[in-house]
Amino acid sequence: MLIGDVARRSGVSARMLRHYDQLGLLRPTGRTVAGYREYSREDIRRIFHIEILRSLGLSLRDVGRALDDPDVTPSALVDDLVRRTRERIAAETELLTRLRRIDAADPADWEDVLQIVALLQALGSESAGRRQRAALSSVDEVPVPVEALVEAALHETDPNVAGALRWALAQAGDGGLALLAEGLDSPVAEVRKRAVESIAEIPGGNATALLQDALANSDVVVRRQAALALGARGVADAVPTLVDMVVEEANDVEAADRLSALAGDPASADRIATGLVDRLTHDTVDPSARRRLAQALADIPGSTASDALTDLSNDEDRAVALTAAYILRLRDARDDGLG
């Protein structure tokens, strides 16, 4: 069978058949008197084998090895093909992500596209300084898609760069909240922590609502960060978690400051005092925790706090008693001054 007939029947072009011949992958069995290639039934069979293996993604070199080298096993070639396919998919996925981000930025012209790509590349740079500059400039220049900022913020390890990224996200408003909310449920603890820290710096009611939901998160670090942020926003829902933080000596000074600020609202003051006093009644609260609770009560107005401090001034632990007595004197002096 001549090359034209083979091409029509196999669907492989005559040009490709000649290429196979040049590579030594498929040499026709015979030649006509005029010197034309003549293919046998076995040659046709080999063509179909070549095309089947090519359909799996094998290169022509690998196809030749699979058909002619008895030492090459299918598993070895397929394993290598799986590895290369995964690498190609990863590269294509990365390209697709970059294209979507460029499209989301709605560039006006190719100059905008070039700037966006440059900023995206800078956000992925190995240089912390370059990443930080990219984060800071993302607001003033062509805006970087918020998705890219969120991804960078959730994976940034350098504290200075992380701060710049959180600032940039805050400037973007609510745009990144949905993606940051997903970060709160990440299986990676550090990602969850970065997500709540980023949400904490975004103003507005939607971020506050997200932080309130985070008070029930299974990750104690997320709960504590959310409570500190909510305390700064004047949200009383944070009180129980802040009290726990005082007892557990987890950012206890900052937690006590948040409780003091919240106690400026008379409606919250008694609730805070009651929460602190209730923890004092637990038998498991050790002297160091009682001392921290006494210190937290210092700036909580009302008789509930004063009565608790009076009881603590007689505590069996001398350090606790002295701390409570000192705080009572300060409160009395402050009250006299106000009088």
C-alpha atoms as a PDB file:
ATOM      1  CA  MET A   1       0.000   0.000   0.000  1.00  0.00           C
ATOM      2  CA  LEU A   2       1.424   3.363  -1.031  1.00  0.00           C
ATOM      3  CA  ILE A   3       1.798   6.316   1.314  1.00  0.00           C
ATOM      4  CA  GLY A   4      -1.248   8.187  -0.026  1.00  0.00           C
ATOM      5  CA  ASP A   5      -3.535   5.201   0.547  1.00  0.00           C
ATOM      6  CA  VAL A   6      -2.111   4.692   4.035  1.00  0.00           C
ATOM      7  CA  ALA A   7      -2.678   8.345   4.890  1.00  0.00           C
ATOM      8  CA  ARG A   8      -6.319   8.199   3.776  1.00  0.00           C
ATOM      9  CA  ARG A   9      -7.059   4.976   5.663  1.00  0.00           C
ATOM     10  CA  SER A  10      -5.155   5.740   8.872  1.00  0.00           C
ATOM     11  CA  GLY A  11      -5.886   9.445   9.197  1.00  0.00           C
ATOM     12  CA  VAL A  12      -2.147  10.138   9.582  1.00  0.00           C
ATOM     13  CA  SER A  13      -0.888  12.634   7.053  1.00  0.00           C
ATOM     14  CA  ALA A  14       1.684  11.662   4.432  1.00  0.00           C
ATOM     15  CA  ARG A  15       3.967  14.355   5.874  1.00  0.00           C
ATOM     16  CA  MET A  16       3.798  12.766   9.335  1.00  0.00           C
ATOM     17  CA  LEU A  17       4.430   9.303   7.865  1.00  0.00           C
ATOM     18  CA  ARG A  18       7.576  10.609   6.212  1.00  0.00           C
ATOM     19  CA  HIS A  19       8.589  12.151   9.542  1.00  0.00           C
ATOM     20  CA  TYR A  20       8.137   8.758  11.230  1.00  0.00           C
ATOM     21  CA  ASP A  21      10.369   7.250   8.549  1.00  0.00           C
ATOM     22  CA  GLN A  22      13.088   9.871   9.096  1.00  0.00           C
ATOM     23  CA  LEU A  23      13.037   9.205  12.857  1.00  0.00           C
ATOM     24  CA  GLY A  24      13.252   5.473  12.312  1.00  0.00           C
ATOM     25  CA  LEU A  25       9.950   5.042  14.118  1.00  0.00           C
ATOM     26  CA  LEU A  26       8.169   3.485  11.148  1.00  0.00           C
ATOM     27  CA  ARG A  27      10.120   2.378   8.118  1.00  0.00           C
ATOM     28  CA  PRO A  28       7.945   0.922   5.331  1.00  0.00           C
ATOM     29  CA  THR A  29       8.699  -2.696   4.632  1.00  0.00           C
ATOM     30  CA  GLY A  30       9.228  -2.261   0.919  1.00  0.00           C
ATOM     31  CA  ARG A  31       9.696   0.034  -2.031  1.00  0.00           C
ATOM     32  CA  THR A  32       8.036  -0.056  -5.424  1.00  0.00           C
ATOM     33  CA  VAL A  33      10.079  -0.350  -8.623  1.00  0.00           C
ATOM     34  CA  ALA A  34       9.775   3.434  -8.920  1.00  0.00           C
ATOM     35  CA  GLY A  35      11.161   3.859  -5.386  1.00  0.00           C
ATOM     36  CA  TYR A  36       7.937   4.809  -3.614  1.00  0.00           C
ATOM     37  CA  ARG A  37       7.326   3.707  -0.024  1.00  0.00           C
ATOM     38  CA  GLU A  38       5.181   0.598   0.226  1.00  0.00           C
ATOM     39  CA  TYR A  39       3.561  -0.305   3.531  1.00  0.00           C
ATOM     40  CA  SER A  40       2.665  -3.830   4.605  1.00  0.00           C
ATOM     41  CA  ARG A  41      -0.183  -4.973   6.845  1.00  0.00           C
ATOM     42  CA  GLU A  42       2.257  -5.022   9.810  1.00  0.00           C
ATOM     43  CA  ASP A  43       3.360  -1.475   8.984  1.00  0.00           C
ATOM     44  CA  ILE A  44      -0.282  -0.349   9.122  1.00  0.00           C
ATOM     45  CA  ARG A  45      -0.662  -2.132  12.463  1.00  0.00           C
ATOM     46  CA  ARG A  46       2.385  -0.303  13.823  1.00  0.00           C
ATOM     47  CA  ILE A  47       0.938   3.052  12.688  1.00  0.00           C
ATOM     48  CA  PHE A  48      -2.159   2.457  14.795  1.00  0.00           C
ATOM     49  CA  HIS A  49      -0.007   1.427  17.775  1.00  0.00           C
ATOM     50  CA  ILE A  50       2.002   4.645  17.404  1.00  0.00           C
ATOM     51  CA  GLU A  51      -1.143   6.784  17.325  1.00  0.00           C
ATOM     52  CA  ILE A  52      -2.654   5.028  20.354  1.00  0.00           C
ATOM     53  CA  LEU A  53       0.469   5.658  22.423  1.00  0.00           C
ATOM     54  CA  ARG A  54       0.658   9.266  21.218  1.00  0.00           C
ATOM     55  CA  SER A  55      -2.946   9.750  22.362  1.00  0.00           C
ATOM     56  CA  LEU A  56      -1.727   9.027  25.906  1.00  0.00           C
ATOM     57  CA  GLY A  57       0.656  11.954  25.676  1.00  0.00           C
ATOM     58  CA  LEU A  58       3.853  10.013  25.002  1.00  0.00           C
ATOM     59  CA  SER A  59       6.486  11.746  22.937  1.00  0.00           C
ATOM     60  CA  LEU A  60       7.616  10.107  19.700  1.00  0.00           C
ATOM     61  CA  ARG A  61      10.862   9.174  21.440  1.00  0.00           C
ATOM     62  CA  ASP A  62       8.919   7.432  24.213  1.00  0.00           C
ATOM     63  CA  VAL A  63       6.664   5.752  21.667  1.00  0.00           C
ATOM     64  CA  GLY A  64       9.728   4.289  19.939  1.00  0.00           C
ATOM     65  CA  ARG A  65      11.116   3.046  23.255  1.00  0.00           C
ATOM     66  CA  ALA A  66       7.779   1.484  24.204  1.00  0.00           C
ATOM     67  CA  LEU A  67       7.516  -0.390  20.889  1.00  0.00           C
ATOM     68  CA  ASP A  68      11.137  -1.420  20.393  1.00  0.00           C
ATOM     69  CA  ASP A  69      12.963  -1.552  23.738  1.00  0.00           C
ATOM     70  CA  PRO A  70      12.078  -4.716  25.702  1.00  0.00           C
ATOM     71  CA  ASP A  71      13.625  -3.250  28.873  1.00  0.00           C
ATOM     72  CA  VAL A  72      11.147  -0.368  28.998  1.00  0.00           C
ATOM     73  CA  THR A  73       8.148  -1.330  31.109  1.00  0.00           C
ATOM     74  CA  PRO A  74       4.702   0.251  30.708  1.00  0.00           C
ATOM     75  CA  SER A  75       4.622   1.224  34.380  1.00  0.00           C
ATOM     76  CA  ALA A  76       7.857   3.207  34.120  1.00  0.00           C
ATOM     77  CA  LEU A  77       6.681   5.153  31.086  1.00  0.00           C
ATOM     78  CA  VAL A  78       3.196   5.741  32.493  1.00  0.00           C
ATOM     79  CA  ASP A  79       4.588   6.909  35.864  1.00  0.00           C
ATOM     80  CA  ASP A  80       6.842   9.387  34.092  1.00  0.00           C
ATOM     81  CA  LEU A  81       3.920  10.524  31.963  1.00  0.00           C
ATOM     82  CA  VAL A  82       1.764  11.055  35.055  1.00  0.00           C
ATOM     83  CA  ARG A  83       4.504  13.191  36.634  1.00  0.00           C
ATOM     84  CA  ARG A  84       4.940  15.340  33.527  1.00  0.00           C
ATOM     85  CA  THR A  85       1.174  15.706  33.097  1.00  0.00           C
ATOM     86  CA  ARG A  86       0.795  16.934  36.671  1.00  0.00           C
ATOM     87  CA  GLU A  87       3.579  19.450  36.143  1.00  0.00           C
ATOM     88  CA  ARG A  88       1.909  20.673  32.968  1.00  0.00           C
ATOM     89  CA  ILE A  89      -1.493  20.963  34.663  1.00  0.00           C
ATOM     90  CA  ALA A  90       0.071  22.906  37.539  1.00  0.00           C
ATOM     91  CA  ALA A  91       1.736  25.291  35.103  1.00  0.00           C
ATOM     92  CA  GLU A  92      -1.480  25.723  33.122  1.00  0.00           C
ATOM     93  CA  THR A  93      -3.485  26.268  36.312  1.00  0.00           C
ATOM     94  CA  GLU A  94      -1.036  28.930  37.428  1.00  0.00           C
ATOM     95  CA  LEU A  95      -1.335  30.635  34.048  1.00  0.00           C
ATOM     96  CA  LEU A  96      -5.137  30.473  34.182  1.00  0.00           C
ATOM     97  CA  THR A  97      -5.121  32.009  37.663  1.00  0.00           C
ATOM     98  CA  ARG A  98      -2.888  34.834  36.505  1.00  0.00           C
ATOM     99  CA  LEU A  99      -5.081  35.514  33.473  1.00  0.00           C
ATOM    100  CA  ARG A 100      -8.223  35.607  35.623  1.00  0.00           C
ATOM    101  CA  ARG A 101      -6.587  38.060  37.994  1.00  0.00           C
ATOM    102  CA  ILE A 102      -5.554  40.308  35.142  1.00  0.00           C
ATOM    103  CA  ASP A 103      -9.098  40.165  33.777  1.00  0.00           C
ATOM    104  CA  ALA A 104     -10.541  40.955  37.243  1.00  0.00           C
ATOM    105  CA  ALA A 105      -8.416  44.115  37.399  1.00  0.00           C
ATOM    106  CA  ASP A 106     -10.156  45.322  34.213  1.00  0.00           C
ATOM    107  CA  PRO A 107      -7.048  46.826  32.603  1.00  0.00           C
ATOM    108  CA  ALA A 108      -7.681  49.784  30.316  1.00  0.00           C
ATOM    109  CA  ASP A 109      -4.702  49.124  28.053  1.00  0.00           C
ATOM    110  CA  TRP A 110      -1.583  46.987  27.667  1.00  0.00           C
ATOM    111  CA  GLU A 111       0.369  49.320  29.934  1.00  0.00           C
ATOM    112  CA  ASP A 112      -2.052  48.415  32.727  1.00  0.00           C
ATOM    113  CA  VAL A 113      -1.596  44.719  31.923  1.00  0.00           C
ATOM    114  CA  LEU A 114       2.181  45.058  32.172  1.00  0.00           C
ATOM    115  CA  GLN A 115       1.905  46.839  35.523  1.00  0.00           C
ATOM    116  CA  ILE A 116      -0.481  44.228  36.918  1.00  0.00           C
ATOM    117  CA  VAL A 117       1.760  41.364  35.829  1.00  0.00           C
ATOM    118  CA  ALA A 118       4.789  43.114  37.330  1.00  0.00           C
ATOM    119  CA  LEU A 119       2.988  43.539  40.658  1.00  0.00           C
ATOM    120  CA  LEU A 120       1.794  39.916  40.654  1.00  0.00           C
ATOM    121  CA  GLN A 121       5.341  38.740  39.996  1.00  0.00           C
ATOM    122  CA  ALA A 122       6.648  41.012  42.758  1.00  0.00           C
ATOM    123  CA  LEU A 123       4.138  39.544  45.229  1.00  0.00           C
ATOM    124  CA  GLY A 124       5.624  36.121  44.493  1.00  0.00           C
ATOM    125  CA  SER A 125       9.233  37.293  44.684  1.00  0.00           C
ATOM    126  CA  GLU A 126      11.753  35.650  47.010  1.00  0.00           C
ATOM    127  CA  SER A 127      12.748  39.134  48.185  1.00  0.00           C
ATOM    128  CA  ALA A 128      10.716  40.270  51.211  1.00  0.00           C
ATOM    129  CA  GLY A 129      11.480  43.891  50.386  1.00  0.00           C
ATOM    130  CA  ARG A 130      10.135  43.514  46.873  1.00  0.00           C
ATOM    131  CA  ARG A 131       6.977  41.802  48.155  1.00  0.00           C
ATOM    132  CA  GLN A 132       6.440  44.600  50.659  1.00  0.00           C
ATOM    133  CA  ARG A 133       6.862  47.318  48.039  1.00  0.00           C
ATOM    134  CA  ALA A 134       4.409  45.512  45.791  1.00  0.00           C
ATOM    135  CA  ALA A 135       1.825  45.339  48.577  1.00  0.00           C
ATOM    136  CA  LEU A 136       2.191  49.032  49.407  1.00  0.00           C
ATOM    137  CA  SER A 137       2.080  50.128  45.780  1.00  0.00           C
ATOM    138  CA  SER A 138      -0.899  47.932  44.918  1.00  0.00           C
ATOM    139  CA  VAL A 139      -3.267  50.665  46.096  1.00  0.00           C
ATOM    140  CA  ASP A 140      -1.724  53.688  44.383  1.00  0.00           C
ATOM    141  CA  GLU A 141      -0.910  52.087  41.035  1.00  0.00           C
ATOM    142  CA  VAL A 142      -3.079  49.778  38.942  1.00  0.00           C
ATOM    143  CA  PRO A 143      -4.982  47.828  41.633  1.00  0.00           C
ATOM    144  CA  VAL A 144      -3.873  44.250  42.180  1.00  0.00           C
ATOM    145  CA  PRO A 145      -6.857  41.865  42.166  1.00  0.00           C
ATOM    146  CA  VAL A 146      -7.960  41.318  45.756  1.00  0.00           C
ATOM    147  CA  GLU A 147      -7.748  37.548  45.250  1.00  0.00           C
ATOM    148  CA  ALA A 148      -3.988  37.867  44.757  1.00  0.00           C
ATOM    149  CA  LEU A 149      -3.649  40.021  47.867  1.00  0.00           C
ATOM    150  CA  VAL A 150      -5.603  37.513  49.962  1.00  0.00           C
ATOM    151  CA  GLU A 151      -3.534  34.582  48.719  1.00  0.00           C
ATOM    152  CA  ALA A 152      -0.329  36.485  49.457  1.00  0.00           C
ATOM    153  CA  ALA A 153      -1.552  37.531  52.924  1.00  0.00           C
ATOM    154  CA  LEU A 154      -2.561  33.987  53.873  1.00  0.00           C
ATOM    155  CA  HIS A 155       0.855  32.587  53.008  1.00  0.00           C
ATOM    156  CA  GLU A 156       3.213  35.436  53.951  1.00  0.00           C
ATOM    157  CA  THR A 157       5.745  34.589  56.687  1.00  0.00           C
ATOM    158  CA  ASP A 158       7.630  37.877  56.918  1.00  0.00           C
ATOM    159  CA  PRO A 159       5.910  40.099  59.549  1.00  0.00           C
ATOM    160  CA  ASN A 160       6.652  43.377  57.739  1.00  0.00           C
ATOM    161  CA  VAL A 161       5.326  42.104  54.432  1.00  0.00           C
ATOM    162  CA  ALA A 162       2.309  40.588  56.184  1.00  0.00           C
ATOM    163  CA  GLY A 163       1.523  43.959  57.756  1.00  0.00           C
ATOM    164  CA  ALA A 164       1.717  45.686  54.372  1.00  0.00           C
ATOM    165  CA  LEU A 165      -0.588  43.079  52.821  1.00  0.00           C
ATOM    166  CA  ARG A 166      -3.139  43.449  55.629  1.00  0.00           C
ATOM    167  CA  TRP A 167      -3.057  47.209  55.095  1.00  0.00           C
ATOM    168  CA  ALA A 168      -3.627  46.779  51.371  1.00  0.00           C
ATOM    169  CA  LEU A 169      -6.569  44.450  52.035  1.00  0.00           C
ATOM    170  CA  ALA A 170      -8.053  46.982  54.446  1.00  0.00           C
ATOM    171  CA  GLN A 171      -7.925  49.584  51.682  1.00  0.00           C
ATOM    172  CA  ALA A 172      -9.819  47.171  49.438  1.00  0.00           C
ATOM    173  CA  GLY A 173     -12.753  47.119  51.871  1.00  0.00           C
ATOM    174  CA  ASP A 174     -15.055  44.094  51.837  1.00  0.00           C
ATOM    175  CA  GLY A 175     -13.679  42.724  48.581  1.00  0.00           C
ATOM    176  CA  GLY A 176     -11.485  40.085  50.192  1.00  0.00           C
ATOM    177  CA  LEU A 177     -13.751  39.044  53.066  1.00  0.00           C
ATOM    178  CA  ALA A 178     -15.274  36.001  51.357  1.00  0.00           C
ATOM    179  CA  LEU A 179     -11.861  34.546  50.569  1.00  0.00           C
ATOM    180  CA  LEU A 180     -10.538  35.384  54.035  1.00  0.00           C
ATOM    181  CA  ALA A 181     -13.561  33.617  55.530  1.00  0.00           C
ATOM    182  CA  GLU A 182     -12.512  30.496  53.656  1.00  0.00           C
ATOM    183  CA  GLY A 183      -9.064  30.934  55.180  1.00  0.00           C
ATOM    184  CA  LEU A 184     -10.591  30.646  58.665  1.00  0.00           C
ATOM    185  CA  ASP A 185     -11.487  27.028  57.842  1.00  0.00           C
ATOM    186  CA  SER A 186      -8.101  26.141  56.366  1.00  0.00           C
ATOM    187  CA  PRO A 187      -6.518  22.888  57.624  1.00  0.00           C
ATOM    188  CA  VAL A 188      -3.308  24.882  58.194  1.00  0.00           C
ATOM    189  CA  ALA A 189      -3.184  26.667  61.566  1.00  0.00           C
ATOM    190  CA  GLU A 190      -0.947  29.496  60.346  1.00  0.00           C
ATOM    191  CA  VAL A 191      -3.296  30.250  57.474  1.00  0.00           C
ATOM    192  CA  ARG A 192      -6.242  30.454  59.891  1.00  0.00           C
ATOM    193  CA  LYS A 193      -4.286  32.853  62.098  1.00  0.00           C
ATOM    194  CA  ARG A 194      -3.335  35.095  59.176  1.00  0.00           C
ATOM    195  CA  ALA A 195      -6.938  35.093  57.954  1.00  0.00           C
ATOM    196  CA  VAL A 196      -8.359  36.374  61.244  1.00  0.00           C
ATOM    197  CA  GLU A 197      -5.566  38.937  61.578  1.00  0.00           C
ATOM    198  CA  SER A 198      -6.388  40.264  58.115  1.00  0.00           C
ATOM    199  CA  ILE A 199     -10.132  40.413  58.828  1.00  0.00           C
ATOM    200  CA  ALA A 200      -9.400  42.280  62.068  1.00  0.00           C
ATOM    201  CA  GLU A 201      -7.910  45.185  60.128  1.00  0.00           C
ATOM    202  CA  ILE A 202     -10.809  45.555  57.696  1.00  0.00           C
ATOM    203  CA  PRO A 203     -13.341  48.156  58.892  1.00  0.00           C
ATOM    204  CA  GLY A 204     -17.091  47.862  58.596  1.00  0.00           C
ATOM    205  CA  GLY A 205     -20.007  45.776  59.714  1.00  0.00           C
ATOM    206  CA  ASN A 206     -19.346  42.817  57.436  1.00  0.00           C
ATOM    207  CA  ALA A 207     -15.886  42.266  58.898  1.00  0.00           C
ATOM    208  CA  THR A 208     -17.319  42.647  62.415  1.00  0.00           C
ATOM    209  CA  ALA A 209     -19.961  40.004  61.691  1.00  0.00           C
ATOM    210  CA  LEU A 210     -17.288  37.662  60.399  1.00  0.00           C
ATOM    211  CA  LEU A 211     -15.246  38.190  63.575  1.00  0.00           C
ATOM    212  CA  GLN A 212     -18.315  37.462  65.703  1.00  0.00           C
ATOM    213  CA  ASP A 213     -18.760  34.176  63.851  1.00  0.00           C
ATOM    214  CA  ALA A 214     -15.075  33.449  64.472  1.00  0.00           C
ATOM    215  CA  LEU A 215     -15.708  33.465  68.244  1.00  0.00           C
ATOM    216  CA  ALA A 216     -17.134  29.964  67.736  1.00  0.00           C
ATOM    217  CA  ASN A 217     -14.228  28.745  65.600  1.00  0.00           C
ATOM    218  CA  SER A 218     -12.674  25.438  66.653  1.00  0.00           C
ATOM    219  CA  ASP A 219      -9.218  27.058  66.655  1.00  0.00           C
ATOM    220  CA  VAL A 220      -8.525  28.783  69.986  1.00  0.00           C
ATOM    221  CA  VAL A 221      -6.033  31.142  68.336  1.00  0.00           C
ATOM    222  CA  VAL A 222      -8.702  32.322  65.908  1.00  0.00           C
ATOM    223  CA  ARG A 223     -11.180  32.823  68.758  1.00  0.00           C
ATOM    224  CA  ARG A 224      -8.692  34.880  70.759  1.00  0.00           C
ATOM    225  CA  GLN A 225      -7.662  37.081  67.837  1.00  0.00           C
ATOM    226  CA  ALA A 226     -11.320  37.661  66.983  1.00  0.00           C
ATOM    227  CA  ALA A 227     -12.103  38.598  70.596  1.00  0.00           C
ATOM    228  CA  LEU A 228      -9.280  41.146  70.729  1.00  0.00           C
ATOM    229  CA  ALA A 229     -10.441  42.715  67.483  1.00  0.00           C
ATOM    230  CA  LEU A 230     -14.066  42.799  68.599  1.00  0.00           C
ATOM    231  CA  GLY A 231     -13.099  44.278  71.962  1.00  0.00           C
ATOM    232  CA  ALA A 232     -11.371  47.116  70.126  1.00  0.00           C
ATOM    233  CA  ARG A 233     -14.597  47.625  68.139  1.00  0.00           C
ATOM    234  CA  GLY A 234     -16.700  47.808  71.294  1.00  0.00           C
ATOM    235  CA  VAL A 235     -18.522  44.509  70.708  1.00  0.00           C
ATOM    236  CA  ALA A 236     -19.514  42.963  74.046  1.00  0.00           C
ATOM    237  CA  ASP A 237     -19.836  39.452  72.558  1.00  0.00           C
ATOM    238  CA  ALA A 238     -16.079  39.191  73.026  1.00  0.00           C
ATOM    239  CA  VAL A 239     -16.263  39.403  76.840  1.00  0.00           C
ATOM    240  CA  PRO A 240     -16.319  35.645  77.694  1.00  0.00           C
ATOM    241  CA  THR A 241     -13.338  34.901  75.466  1.00  0.00           C
ATOM    242  CA  LEU A 242     -11.422  37.899  76.805  1.00  0.00           C
ATOM    243  CA  VAL A 243     -12.036  36.733  80.383  1.00  0.00           C
ATOM    244  CA  ASP A 244     -10.756  33.278  79.444  1.00  0.00           C
ATOM    245  CA  MET A 245      -7.635  34.879  77.995  1.00  0.00           C
ATOM    246  CA  VAL A 246      -6.951  36.669  81.296  1.00  0.00           C
ATOM    247  CA  VAL A 247      -7.264  33.402  83.210  1.00  0.00           C
ATOM    248  CA  GLU A 248      -5.212  31.400  80.716  1.00  0.00           C
ATOM    249  CA  GLU A 249      -2.481  34.090  80.444  1.00  0.00           C
ATOM    250  CA  ALA A 250      -2.969  34.337  76.684  1.00  0.00           C
ATOM    251  CA  ASN A 251      -2.325  37.961  75.684  1.00  0.00           C
ATOM    252  CA  ASP A 252      -3.828  38.665  79.115  1.00  0.00           C
ATOM    253  CA  VAL A 253      -2.653  42.290  79.354  1.00  0.00           C
ATOM    254  CA  GLU A 254      -4.167  43.117  75.981  1.00  0.00           C
ATOM    255  CA  ALA A 255      -7.338  41.212  76.871  1.00  0.00           C
ATOM    256  CA  ALA A 256      -7.632  43.145  80.153  1.00  0.00           C
ATOM    257  CA  ASP A 257      -7.225  46.421  78.240  1.00  0.00           C
ATOM    258  CA  ARG A 258     -10.064  45.410  75.924  1.00  0.00           C
ATOM    259  CA  LEU A 259     -12.272  44.559  78.922  1.00  0.00           C
ATOM    260  CA  SER A 260     -11.479  47.923  80.495  1.00  0.00           C
ATOM    261  CA  ALA A 261     -12.462  49.717  77.298  1.00  0.00           C
ATOM    262  CA  LEU A 262     -15.692  47.733  77.003  1.00  0.00           C
ATOM    263  CA  ALA A 263     -16.517  48.519  80.640  1.00  0.00           C
ATOM    264  CA  GLY A 264     -16.888  52.160  79.645  1.00  0.00           C
ATOM    265  CA  ASP A 265     -20.373  51.149  78.564  1.00  0.00           C
ATOM    266  CA  PRO A 266     -22.447  50.818  81.781  1.00  0.00           C
ATOM    267  CA  ALA A 267     -24.487  48.039  80.208  1.00  0.00           C
ATOM    268  CA  SER A 268     -21.330  45.974  79.747  1.00  0.00           C
ATOM    269  CA  ALA A 269     -19.491  46.875  82.959  1.00  0.00           C
ATOM    270  CA  ASP A 270     -21.554  44.657  85.249  1.00  0.00           C
ATOM    271  CA  ARG A 271     -21.435  41.777  82.799  1.00  0.00           C
ATOM    272  CA  ILE A 272     -17.633  42.033  82.652  1.00  0.00           C
ATOM    273  CA  ALA A 273     -17.296  42.260  86.427  1.00  0.00           C
ATOM    274  CA  THR A 274     -19.582  39.250  86.861  1.00  0.00           C
ATOM    275  CA  GLY A 275     -17.598  37.265  84.315  1.00  0.00           C
ATOM    276  CA  LEU A 276     -14.314  37.980  86.089  1.00  0.00           C
ATOM    277  CA  VAL A 277     -15.763  37.251  89.533  1.00  0.00           C
ATOM    278  CA  ASP A 278     -17.315  33.987  88.373  1.00  0.00           C
ATOM    279  CA  ARG A 279     -13.877  32.755  87.334  1.00  0.00           C
ATOM    280  CA  LEU A 280     -12.551  33.583  90.806  1.00  0.00           C
ATOM    281  CA  THR A 281     -14.983  31.102  92.324  1.00  0.00           C
ATOM    282  CA  HIS A 282     -13.510  28.183  90.394  1.00  0.00           C
ATOM    283  CA  ASP A 283     -11.381  25.900  92.539  1.00  0.00           C
ATOM    284  CA  THR A 284      -9.019  25.323  89.617  1.00  0.00           C
ATOM    285  CA  VAL A 285      -7.967  28.985  89.417  1.00  0.00           C
ATOM    286  CA  ASP A 286      -4.413  29.181  90.754  1.00  0.00           C
ATOM    287  CA  PRO A 287      -2.853  32.193  92.547  1.00  0.00           C
ATOM    288  CA  SER A 288      -1.256  33.599  89.393  1.00  0.00           C
ATOM    289  CA  ALA A 289      -4.630  33.536  87.610  1.00  0.00           C
ATOM    290  CA  ARG A 290      -6.324  35.196  90.620  1.00  0.00           C
ATOM    291  CA  ARG A 291      -3.691  37.928  90.515  1.00  0.00           C
ATOM    292  CA  ARG A 292      -4.356  38.538  86.801  1.00  0.00           C
ATOM    293  CA  LEU A 293      -8.094  38.625  87.472  1.00  0.00           C
ATOM    294  CA  ALA A 294      -7.531  41.183  90.236  1.00  0.00           C
ATOM    295  CA  GLN A 295      -5.519  43.331  87.839  1.00  0.00           C
ATOM    296  CA  ALA A 296      -8.250  43.029  85.221  1.00  0.00           C
ATOM    297  CA  LEU A 297     -10.828  44.179  87.786  1.00  0.00           C
ATOM    298  CA  ALA A 298      -8.843  47.352  88.474  1.00  0.00           C
ATOM    299  CA  ASP A 299     -10.526  49.437  85.785  1.00  0.00           C
ATOM    300  CA  ILE A 300     -13.958  47.830  85.926  1.00  0.00           C
ATOM    301  CA  PRO A 301     -16.359  50.226  87.643  1.00  0.00           C
ATOM    302  CA  GLY A 302     -19.090  49.208  90.076  1.00  0.00           C
ATOM    303  CA  SER A 303     -19.621  47.469  93.375  1.00  0.00           C
ATOM    304  CA  THR A 304     -19.278  43.958  91.961  1.00  0.00           C
ATOM    305  CA  ALA A 305     -15.643  44.608  91.073  1.00  0.00           C
ATOM    306  CA  SER A 306     -14.959  46.419  94.348  1.00  0.00           C
ATOM    307  CA  ASP A 307     -16.460  43.625  96.451  1.00  0.00           C
ATOM    308  CA  ALA A 308     -14.408  41.039  94.592  1.00  0.00           C
ATOM    309  CA  LEU A 309     -11.224  43.028  95.150  1.00  0.00           C
ATOM    310  CA  THR A 310     -12.038  43.318  98.858  1.00  0.00           C
ATOM    311  CA  ASP A 311     -12.343  39.540  99.069  1.00  0.00           C
ATOM    312  CA  LEU A 312      -9.072  39.132  97.177  1.00  0.00           C
ATOM    313  CA  SER A 313      -7.285  41.485  99.572  1.00  0.00           C
ATOM    314  CA  ASN A 314      -7.706  38.690 102.135  1.00  0.00           C
ATOM    315  CA  ASP A 315      -6.555  35.955  99.766  1.00  0.00           C
ATOM    316  CA  GLU A 316      -4.397  33.221 101.241  1.00  0.00           C
ATOM    317  CA  ASP A 317      -1.758  33.949  98.615  1.00  0.00           C
ATOM    318  CA  ARG A 318       0.174  37.017  99.767  1.00  0.00           C
ATOM    319  CA  ALA A 319       0.938  38.272  96.238  1.00  0.00           C
ATOM    320  CA  VAL A 320      -2.744  38.145  95.309  1.00  0.00           C
ATOM    321  CA  ALA A 321      -3.761  39.889  98.542  1.00  0.00           C
ATOM    322  CA  LEU A 322      -1.196  42.670  98.112  1.00  0.00           C
ATOM    323  CA  THR A 323      -2.179  43.210  94.482  1.00  0.00           C
ATOM    324  CA  ALA A 324      -5.874  43.471  95.359  1.00  0.00           C
ATOM    325  CA  ALA A 325      -5.208  45.798  98.307  1.00  0.00           C
ATOM    326  CA  TYR A 326      -3.079  48.077  96.143  1.00  0.00           C
ATOM    327  CA  ILE A 327      -5.759  48.222  93.461  1.00  0.00           C
ATOM    328  CA  LEU A 328      -8.405  49.047  96.057  1.00  0.00           C
ATOM    329  CA  ARG A 329      -6.321  51.967  97.312  1.00  0.00           C
ATOM    330  CA  LEU A 330      -5.967  53.268  93.761  1.00  0.00           C
ATOM    331  CA  ARG A 331      -9.722  52.958  93.197  1.00  0.00           C
ATOM    332  CA  ASP A 332     -10.462  54.763  96.449  1.00  0.00           C
ATOM    333  CA  ALA A 333      -8.055  57.570  95.585  1.00  0.00           C
ATOM    334  CA  ARG A 334      -9.594  57.859  92.127  1.00  0.00           C
ATOM    335  CA  ASP A 335     -13.106  57.961  93.574  1.00  0.00           C
ATOM    336  CA  ASP A 336     -12.063  60.616  96.113  1.00  0.00           C
ATOM    337  CA  GLY A 337     -10.576  62.679  93.291  1.00  0.00           C
ATOM    338  CA  LEU A 338     -13.766  62.424  91.323  1.00  0.00           C
ATOM    339  CA  GLY A 339     -15.726  63.392  94.424  1.00  0.00           C
END
